[in-house]
Amino acid sequence: DRAGEPMPEFFRKDLGFGNSADVAGLIAYLASDD
C-alpha cells in the first residue's frame, strides 16, 4: 500500500483487509438517499 501497489489477494479477499478507500465507499452509500 505504501508503494502504491495492489495489496496481495490473500489480504484483500481472504482477510477482507484493504486501505481506507475500500471503506469510504460504504460510508458515502449509507449517507445517500439510496
PDB file of all heavy atoms in Angstrom:
ATOM      1  N   ASP A   1       0.828  -1.204   0.000  1.00  0.00           N
ATOM      2  CA  ASP A   1       0.000   0.000   0.000  1.00  0.00           C
ATOM      3  C   ASP A   1       0.863   1.254   0.000  1.00  0.00           C
ATOM      4  O   ASP A   1       0.576   2.215  -0.726  1.00  0.00           O
ATOM      5  CB  ASP A   1      -0.922  -0.025   1.222  1.00  0.00           C
ATOM      6  CG  ASP A   1      -2.024   1.020   1.137  1.00  0.00           C
ATOM      7  OD1 ASP A   1      -2.697   1.104   0.092  1.00  0.00           O
ATOM      8  OD2 ASP A   1      -2.217   1.764   2.125  1.00  0.00           O
ATOM      9  N   ARG A   2       1.931   1.245   0.783  1.00  0.00           N
ATOM     10  CA  ARG A   2       2.838   2.396   0.821  1.00  0.00           C
ATOM     11  C   ARG A   2       3.488   2.646  -0.537  1.00  0.00           C
ATOM     12  O   ARG A   2       3.759   3.791  -0.918  1.00  0.00           O
ATOM     13  CB  ARG A   2       3.933   2.159   1.868  1.00  0.00           C
ATOM     14  CG  ARG A   2       3.489   2.389   3.303  1.00  0.00           C
ATOM     15  CD  ARG A   2       4.624   2.066   4.240  1.00  0.00           C
ATOM     16  NE  ARG A   2       4.308   2.371   5.631  1.00  0.00           N
ATOM     17  CZ  ARG A   2       5.060   1.997   6.654  1.00  0.00           C
ATOM     18  NH1 ARG A   2       6.155   1.282   6.443  1.00  0.00           N
ATOM     19  NH2 ARG A   2       4.707   2.309   7.892  1.00  0.00           N
ATOM     20  N   ALA A   3       3.755   1.557  -1.254  1.00  0.00           N
ATOM     21  CA  ALA A   3       4.410   1.676  -2.562  1.00  0.00           C
ATOM     22  C   ALA A   3       3.425   1.996  -3.684  1.00  0.00           C
ATOM     23  O   ALA A   3       3.816   2.119  -4.853  1.00  0.00           O
ATOM     24  CB  ALA A   3       5.154   0.376  -2.877  1.00  0.00           C
ATOM     25  N   GLY A   4       2.148   2.138  -3.329  1.00  0.00           N
ATOM     26  CA  GLY A   4       1.130   2.420  -4.335  1.00  0.00           C
ATOM     27  C   GLY A   4       0.792   1.225  -5.193  1.00  0.00           C
ATOM     28  O   GLY A   4       0.255   1.365  -6.292  1.00  0.00           O
ATOM     29  N   GLU A   5       1.091   0.032  -4.674  1.00  0.00           N
ATOM     30  CA  GLU A   5       0.815  -1.205  -5.398  1.00  0.00           C
ATOM     31  C   GLU A   5      -0.403  -1.908  -4.802  1.00  0.00           C
ATOM     32  O   GLU A   5      -0.731  -1.696  -3.630  1.00  0.00           O
ATOM     33  CB  GLU A   5       2.034  -2.133  -5.317  1.00  0.00           C
ATOM     34  CG  GLU A   5       3.296  -1.533  -5.908  1.00  0.00           C
ATOM     35  CD  GLU A   5       4.517  -2.390  -5.625  1.00  0.00           C
ATOM     36  OE1 GLU A   5       4.370  -3.396  -4.883  1.00  0.00           O
ATOM     37  OE2 GLU A   5       5.609  -2.044  -6.127  1.00  0.00           O
ATOM     38  N   PRO A   6      -1.075  -2.767  -5.580  1.00  0.00           N
ATOM     39  CA  PRO A   6      -2.211  -3.520  -5.037  1.00  0.00           C
ATOM     40  C   PRO A   6      -1.759  -4.437  -3.900  1.00  0.00           C
ATOM     41  O   PRO A   6      -0.683  -5.044  -3.974  1.00  0.00           O
ATOM     42  CB  PRO A   6      -2.714  -4.333  -6.235  1.00  0.00           C
ATOM     43  CG  PRO A   6      -2.165  -3.641  -7.437  1.00  0.00           C
ATOM     44  CD  PRO A   6      -0.862  -3.047  -7.019  1.00  0.00           C
ATOM     45  N   MET A   7      -2.560  -4.532  -2.873  1.00  0.00           N
ATOM     46  CA  MET A   7      -2.266  -5.478  -1.811  1.00  0.00           C
ATOM     47  C   MET A   7      -2.420  -6.904  -2.325  1.00  0.00           C
ATOM     48  O   MET A   7      -3.250  -7.157  -3.203  1.00  0.00           O
ATOM     49  CB  MET A   7      -3.204  -5.271  -0.617  1.00  0.00           C
ATOM     50  CG  MET A   7      -2.942  -4.023   0.183  1.00  0.00           C
ATOM     51  SD  MET A   7      -4.009  -3.955   1.640  1.00  0.00           S
ATOM     52  CE  MET A   7      -3.560  -2.345   2.305  1.00  0.00           C
ATOM     53  N   PRO A   8      -1.640  -7.850  -1.795  1.00  0.00           N
ATOM     54  CA  PRO A   8      -1.808  -9.249  -2.212  1.00  0.00           C
ATOM     55  C   PRO A   8      -3.245  -9.727  -2.025  1.00  0.00           C
ATOM     56  O   PRO A   8      -3.943  -9.309  -1.090  1.00  0.00           O
ATOM     57  CB  PRO A   8      -0.850 -10.008  -1.286  1.00  0.00           C
ATOM     58  CG  PRO A   8       0.196  -8.996  -0.927  1.00  0.00           C
ATOM     59  CD  PRO A   8      -0.534  -7.687  -0.839  1.00  0.00           C
ATOM     60  N   GLU A   9      -3.674 -10.596  -2.922  1.00  0.00           N
ATOM     61  CA  GLU A   9      -5.057 -11.077  -2.905  1.00  0.00           C
ATOM     62  C   GLU A   9      -5.421 -11.738  -1.590  1.00  0.00           C
ATOM     63  O   GLU A   9      -6.561 -11.638  -1.135  1.00  0.00           O
ATOM     64  CB  GLU A   9      -5.268 -12.056  -4.065  1.00  0.00           C
ATOM     65  CG  GLU A   9      -6.713 -12.491  -4.237  1.00  0.00           C
ATOM     66  CD  GLU A   9      -6.929 -13.302  -5.494  1.00  0.00           C
ATOM     67  OE1 GLU A   9      -6.834 -12.725  -6.592  1.00  0.00           O
ATOM     68  OE2 GLU A   9      -7.183 -14.509  -5.362  1.00  0.00           O
ATOM     69  N   PHE A  10      -4.479 -12.405  -0.942  1.00  0.00           N
ATOM     70  CA  PHE A  10      -4.747 -13.043   0.352  1.00  0.00           C
ATOM     71  C   PHE A  10      -5.332 -12.040   1.339  1.00  0.00           C
ATOM     72  O   PHE A  10      -6.293 -12.340   2.060  1.00  0.00           O
ATOM     73  CB  PHE A  10      -3.455 -13.646   0.915  1.00  0.00           C
ATOM     74  CG  PHE A  10      -3.581 -14.130   2.335  1.00  0.00           C
ATOM     75  CD1 PHE A  10      -4.138 -15.373   2.627  1.00  0.00           C
ATOM     76  CD2 PHE A  10      -3.153 -13.341   3.396  1.00  0.00           C
ATOM     77  CE1 PHE A  10      -4.267 -15.814   3.935  1.00  0.00           C
ATOM     78  CE2 PHE A  10      -3.272 -13.778   4.708  1.00  0.00           C
ATOM     79  CZ  PHE A  10      -3.825 -15.022   4.979  1.00  0.00           C
ATOM     80  N   PHE A  11      -4.754 -10.844   1.398  1.00  0.00           N
ATOM     81  CA  PHE A  11      -5.239  -9.835   2.337  1.00  0.00           C
ATOM     82  C   PHE A  11      -6.587  -9.275   1.891  1.00  0.00           C
ATOM     83  O   PHE A  11      -7.519  -9.161   2.703  1.00  0.00           O
ATOM     84  CB  PHE A  11      -4.213  -8.707   2.475  1.00  0.00           C
ATOM     85  CG  PHE A  11      -2.950  -9.116   3.160  1.00  0.00           C
ATOM     86  CD1 PHE A  11      -1.827  -9.445   2.426  1.00  0.00           C
ATOM     87  CD2 PHE A  11      -2.887  -9.202   4.540  1.00  0.00           C
ATOM     88  CE1 PHE A  11      -0.655  -9.839   3.053  1.00  0.00           C
ATOM     89  CE2 PHE A  11      -1.718  -9.593   5.179  1.00  0.00           C
ATOM     90  CZ  PHE A  11      -0.599  -9.923   4.435  1.00  0.00           C
ATOM     91  N   ARG A  12      -6.708  -8.938   0.631  1.00  0.00           N
ATOM     92  CA  ARG A  12      -7.925  -8.280   0.159  1.00  0.00           C
ATOM     93  C   ARG A  12      -9.128  -9.223   0.175  1.00  0.00           C
ATOM     94  O   ARG A  12     -10.249  -8.795   0.467  1.00  0.00           O
ATOM     95  CB  ARG A  12      -7.721  -7.720  -1.250  1.00  0.00           C
ATOM     96  CG  ARG A  12      -6.733  -6.548  -1.291  1.00  0.00           C
ATOM     97  CD  ARG A  12      -6.787  -5.825  -2.627  1.00  0.00           C
ATOM     98  NE  ARG A  12      -8.118  -5.295  -2.893  1.00  0.00           N
ATOM     99  CZ  ARG A  12      -8.567  -4.137  -2.418  1.00  0.00           C
ATOM    100  NH1 ARG A  12      -7.803  -3.387  -1.646  1.00  0.00           N
ATOM    101  NH2 ARG A  12      -9.791  -3.719  -2.721  1.00  0.00           N
ATOM    102  N   LYS A  13      -8.921 -10.483  -0.139  1.00  0.00           N
ATOM    103  CA  LYS A  13     -10.047 -11.414  -0.239  1.00  0.00           C
ATOM    104  C   LYS A  13     -10.195 -12.285   1.014  1.00  0.00           C
ATOM    105  O   LYS A  13     -11.236 -12.293   1.653  1.00  0.00           O
ATOM    106  CB  LYS A  13      -9.906 -12.288  -1.488  1.00  0.00           C
ATOM    107  CG  LYS A  13     -10.043 -11.502  -2.792  1.00  0.00           C
ATOM    108  CD  LYS A  13     -10.135 -12.413  -3.989  1.00  0.00           C
ATOM    109  CE  LYS A  13     -10.258 -11.613  -5.281  1.00  0.00           C
ATOM    110  NZ  LYS A  13     -11.481 -10.813  -5.343  1.00  0.00           N
ATOM    111  N   ASP A  14      -9.146 -13.025   1.371  1.00  0.00           N
ATOM    112  CA  ASP A  14      -9.253 -13.954   2.498  1.00  0.00           C
ATOM    113  C   ASP A  14      -9.493 -13.223   3.818  1.00  0.00           C
ATOM    114  O   ASP A  14     -10.271 -13.678   4.663  1.00  0.00           O
ATOM    115  CB  ASP A  14      -7.981 -14.800   2.614  1.00  0.00           C
ATOM    116  CG  ASP A  14      -7.798 -15.745   1.440  1.00  0.00           C
ATOM    117  OD1 ASP A  14      -7.986 -15.292   0.288  1.00  0.00           O
ATOM    118  OD2 ASP A  14      -7.467 -16.921   1.653  1.00  0.00           O
ATOM    119  N   LEU A  15      -8.814 -12.087   4.007  1.00  0.00           N
ATOM    120  CA  LEU A  15      -8.941 -11.335   5.260  1.00  0.00           C
ATOM    121  C   LEU A  15      -9.912 -10.170   5.157  1.00  0.00           C
ATOM    122  O   LEU A  15     -10.321  -9.618   6.179  1.00  0.00           O
ATOM    123  CB  LEU A  15      -7.575 -10.790   5.682  1.00  0.00           C
ATOM    124  CG  LEU A  15      -6.516 -11.790   6.122  1.00  0.00           C
ATOM    125  CD1 LEU A  15      -5.272 -11.042   6.565  1.00  0.00           C
ATOM    126  CD2 LEU A  15      -7.031 -12.670   7.249  1.00  0.00           C
ATOM    127  N   GLY A  16     -10.260  -9.756   3.940  1.00  0.00           N
ATOM    128  CA  GLY A  16     -11.080  -8.553   3.796  1.00  0.00           C
ATOM    129  C   GLY A  16     -10.359  -7.333   4.327  1.00  0.00           C
ATOM    130  O   GLY A  16     -10.941  -6.470   4.977  1.00  0.00           O
ATOM    131  N   PHE A  17      -9.060  -7.257   4.050  1.00  0.00           N
ATOM    132  CA  PHE A  17      -8.196  -6.193   4.574  1.00  0.00           C
ATOM    133  C   PHE A  17      -7.718  -5.336   3.411  1.00  0.00           C
ATOM    134  O   PHE A  17      -7.194  -5.857   2.424  1.00  0.00           O
ATOM    135  CB  PHE A  17      -6.998  -6.825   5.301  1.00  0.00           C
ATOM    136  CG  PHE A  17      -6.020  -5.832   5.877  1.00  0.00           C
ATOM    137  CD1 PHE A  17      -6.210  -5.310   7.140  1.00  0.00           C
ATOM    138  CD2 PHE A  17      -4.896  -5.440   5.155  1.00  0.00           C
ATOM    139  CE1 PHE A  17      -5.294  -4.405   7.682  1.00  0.00           C
ATOM    140  CE2 PHE A  17      -3.984  -4.540   5.681  1.00  0.00           C
ATOM    141  CZ  PHE A  17      -4.176  -4.025   6.957  1.00  0.00           C
ATOM    142  N   GLY A  18      -7.917  -4.037   3.503  1.00  0.00           N
ATOM    143  CA  GLY A  18      -7.508  -3.157   2.415  1.00  0.00           C
ATOM    144  C   GLY A  18      -7.034  -1.818   2.936  1.00  0.00           C
ATOM    145  O   GLY A  18      -6.456  -1.727   4.016  1.00  0.00           O
ATOM    146  N   ASN A  19      -7.315  -0.768   2.177  1.00  0.00           N
ATOM    147  CA  ASN A  19      -6.942   0.579   2.608  1.00  0.00           C
ATOM    148  C   ASN A  19      -8.193   1.407   2.886  1.00  0.00           C
ATOM    149  O   ASN A  19      -9.317   0.925   2.758  1.00  0.00           O
ATOM    150  CB  ASN A  19      -6.027   1.247   1.584  1.00  0.00           C
ATOM    151  CG  ASN A  19      -6.657   1.298   0.194  1.00  0.00           C
ATOM    152  OD1 ASN A  19      -7.874   1.405   0.050  1.00  0.00           O
ATOM    153  ND2 ASN A  19      -5.827   1.230  -0.834  1.00  0.00           N
ATOM    154  N   SER A  20      -7.981   2.650   3.251  1.00  0.00           N
ATOM    155  CA  SER A  20      -9.099   3.491   3.676  1.00  0.00           C
ATOM    156  C   SER A  20     -10.122   3.709   2.574  1.00  0.00           C
ATOM    157  O   SER A  20     -11.330   3.806   2.841  1.00  0.00           O
ATOM    158  CB  SER A  20      -8.574   4.832   4.191  1.00  0.00           C
ATOM    159  OG  SER A  20      -7.767   5.459   3.201  1.00  0.00           O
ATOM    160  N   ALA A  21      -9.665   3.774   1.323  1.00  0.00           N
ATOM    161  CA  ALA A  21     -10.593   3.999   0.214  1.00  0.00           C
ATOM    162  C   ALA A  21     -11.586   2.849   0.069  1.00  0.00           C
ATOM    163  O   ALA A  21     -12.705   3.043  -0.420  1.00  0.00           O
ATOM    164  CB  ALA A  21      -9.818   4.194  -1.084  1.00  0.00           C
ATOM    165  N   ASP A  22     -11.188   1.647   0.507  1.00  0.00           N
ATOM    166  CA  ASP A  22     -12.076   0.488   0.403  1.00  0.00           C
ATOM    167  C   ASP A  22     -13.265   0.583   1.357  1.00  0.00           C
ATOM    168  O   ASP A  22     -14.272  -0.092   1.170  1.00  0.00           O
ATOM    169  CB  ASP A  22     -11.300  -0.803   0.695  1.00  0.00           C
ATOM    170  CG  ASP A  22     -10.225  -1.071  -0.337  1.00  0.00           C
ATOM    171  OD1 ASP A  22     -10.500  -0.914  -1.539  1.00  0.00           O
ATOM    172  OD2 ASP A  22      -9.103  -1.433   0.057  1.00  0.00           O
ATOM    173  N   VAL A  23     -13.135   1.388   2.379  1.00  0.00           N
ATOM    174  CA  VAL A  23     -14.218   1.562   3.363  1.00  0.00           C
ATOM    175  C   VAL A  23     -15.057   2.795   3.043  1.00  0.00           C
ATOM    176  O   VAL A  23     -16.263   2.833   3.293  1.00  0.00           O
ATOM    177  CB  VAL A  23     -13.641   1.687   4.788  1.00  0.00           C
ATOM    178  CG1 VAL A  23     -14.763   1.758   5.830  1.00  0.00           C
ATOM    179  CG2 VAL A  23     -12.696   0.525   5.098  1.00  0.00           C
ATOM    180  N   ALA A  24     -14.409   3.802   2.451  1.00  0.00           N
ATOM    181  CA  ALA A  24     -15.065   5.096   2.249  1.00  0.00           C
ATOM    182  C   ALA A  24     -16.303   5.016   1.364  1.00  0.00           C
ATOM    183  O   ALA A  24     -17.276   5.759   1.562  1.00  0.00           O
ATOM    184  CB  ALA A  24     -14.071   6.093   1.655  1.00  0.00           C
ATOM    185  N   GLY A  25     -16.302   4.114   0.392  1.00  0.00           N
ATOM    186  CA  GLY A  25     -17.472   3.988  -0.478  1.00  0.00           C
ATOM    187  C   GLY A  25     -18.716   3.593   0.288  1.00  0.00           C
ATOM    188  O   GLY A  25     -19.820   4.078   0.000  1.00  0.00           O
ATOM    189  N   LEU A  26     -18.570   2.713   1.281  1.00  0.00           N
ATOM    190  CA  LEU A  26     -19.715   2.296   2.098  1.00  0.00           C
ATOM    191  C   LEU A  26     -20.240   3.462   2.929  1.00  0.00           C
ATOM    192  O   LEU A  26     -21.453   3.619   3.090  1.00  0.00           O
ATOM    193  CB  LEU A  26     -19.328   1.122   3.001  1.00  0.00           C
ATOM    194  CG  LEU A  26     -20.401   0.639   3.971  1.00  0.00           C
ATOM    195  CD1 LEU A  26     -21.650   0.171   3.235  1.00  0.00           C
ATOM    196  CD2 LEU A  26     -19.840  -0.481   4.859  1.00  0.00           C
ATOM    197  N   ILE A  27     -19.331   4.276   3.449  1.00  0.00           N
ATOM    198  CA  ILE A  27     -19.752   5.456   4.213  1.00  0.00           C
ATOM    199  C   ILE A  27     -20.630   6.361   3.353  1.00  0.00           C
ATOM    200  O   ILE A  27     -21.719   6.797   3.763  1.00  0.00           O
ATOM    201  CB  ILE A  27     -18.518   6.237   4.715  1.00  0.00           C
ATOM    202  CG1 ILE A  27     -17.650   5.379   5.643  1.00  0.00           C
ATOM    203  CG2 ILE A  27     -18.948   7.540   5.398  1.00  0.00           C
ATOM    204  CD1 ILE A  27     -18.254   5.051   6.974  1.00  0.00           C
ATOM    205  N   ALA A  28     -20.167   6.641   2.148  1.00  0.00           N
ATOM    206  CA  ALA A  28     -20.925   7.528   1.257  1.00  0.00           C
ATOM    207  C   ALA A  28     -22.251   6.900   0.848  1.00  0.00           C
ATOM    208  O   ALA A  28     -23.279   7.595   0.748  1.00  0.00           O
ATOM    209  CB  ALA A  28     -20.090   7.873   0.028  1.00  0.00           C
ATOM    210  N   TYR A  29     -22.255   5.593   0.609  1.00  0.00           N
ATOM    211  CA  TYR A  29     -23.502   4.935   0.222  1.00  0.00           C
ATOM    212  C   TYR A  29     -24.535   5.021   1.339  1.00  0.00           C
ATOM    213  O   TYR A  29     -25.707   5.351   1.100  1.00  0.00           O
ATOM    214  CB  TYR A  29     -23.246   3.473  -0.141  1.00  0.00           C
ATOM    215  CG  TYR A  29     -24.535   2.733  -0.437  1.00  0.00           C
ATOM    216  CD1 TYR A  29     -25.223   2.944  -1.628  1.00  0.00           C
ATOM    217  CD2 TYR A  29     -25.095   1.863   0.509  1.00  0.00           C
ATOM    218  CE1 TYR A  29     -26.423   2.301  -1.882  1.00  0.00           C
ATOM    219  CE2 TYR A  29     -26.293   1.214   0.255  1.00  0.00           C
ATOM    220  CZ  TYR A  29     -26.950   1.438  -0.943  1.00  0.00           C
ATOM    221  OH  TYR A  29     -28.151   0.813  -1.176  1.00  0.00           O
ATOM    222  N   LEU A  30     -24.129   4.726   2.563  1.00  0.00           N
ATOM    223  CA  LEU A  30     -25.065   4.783   3.690  1.00  0.00           C
ATOM    224  C   LEU A  30     -25.552   6.203   3.943  1.00  0.00           C
ATOM    225  O   LEU A  30     -26.610   6.403   4.550  1.00  0.00           O
ATOM    226  CB  LEU A  30     -24.419   4.212   4.947  1.00  0.00           C
ATOM    227  CG  LEU A  30     -24.167   2.704   4.943  1.00  0.00           C
ATOM    228  CD1 LEU A  30     -23.391   2.288   6.187  1.00  0.00           C
ATOM    229  CD2 LEU A  30     -25.480   1.922   4.843  1.00  0.00           C
ATOM    230  N   ALA A  31     -24.786   7.193   3.486  1.00  0.00           N
ATOM    231  CA  ALA A  31     -25.187   8.594   3.646  1.00  0.00           C
ATOM    232  C   ALA A  31     -26.164   9.043   2.572  1.00  0.00           C
ATOM    233  O   ALA A  31     -26.768  10.114   2.682  1.00  0.00           O
ATOM    234  CB  ALA A  31     -23.949   9.491   3.612  1.00  0.00           C
ATOM    235  N   SER A  32     -26.348   8.234   1.551  1.00  0.00           N
ATOM    236  CA  SER A  32     -27.142   8.644   0.393  1.00  0.00           C
ATOM    237  C   SER A  32     -28.624   8.298   0.550  1.00  0.00           C
ATOM    238  O   SER A  32     -29.018   7.521   1.418  1.00  0.00           O
ATOM    239  CB  SER A  32     -26.607   7.960  -0.866  1.00  0.00           C
ATOM    240  OG  SER A  32     -26.925   6.571  -0.852  1.00  0.00           O
ATOM    241  N   ASP A  33     -29.433   8.852  -0.361  1.00  0.00           N
ATOM    242  CA  ASP A  33     -30.864   8.548  -0.374  1.00  0.00           C
ATOM    243  C   ASP A  33     -31.120   7.088  -0.727  1.00  0.00           C
ATOM    244  O   ASP A  33     -32.148   6.522  -0.359  1.00  0.00           O
ATOM    245  CB  ASP A  33     -31.576   9.458  -1.378  1.00  0.00           C
ATOM    246  CG  ASP A  33     -31.594  10.914  -0.951  1.00  0.00           C
ATOM    247  OD1 ASP A  33     -31.385  11.185   0.252  1.00  0.00           O
ATOM    248  OD2 ASP A  33     -31.801  11.794  -1.814  1.00  0.00           O
ATOM    249  N   ASP A  34     -30.188   6.466  -1.441  1.00  0.00           N
ATOM    250  CA  ASP A  34     -30.344   5.055  -1.809  1.00  0.00           C
ATOM    251  C   ASP A  34     -30.427   4.149  -0.583  1.00  0.00           C
ATOM    252  O   ASP A  34     -30.966   3.046  -0.659  1.00  0.00           O
ATOM    253  CB  ASP A  34     -29.159   4.600  -2.674  1.00  0.00           C
ATOM    254  CG  ASP A  34     -29.141   5.266  -4.035  1.00  0.00           C
ATOM    255  OD1 ASP A  34     -30.225   5.618  -4.531  1.00  0.00           O
ATOM    256  OD2 ASP A  34     -28.053   5.445  -4.592  1.00  0.00           O
TER     257      ASP A  34
END
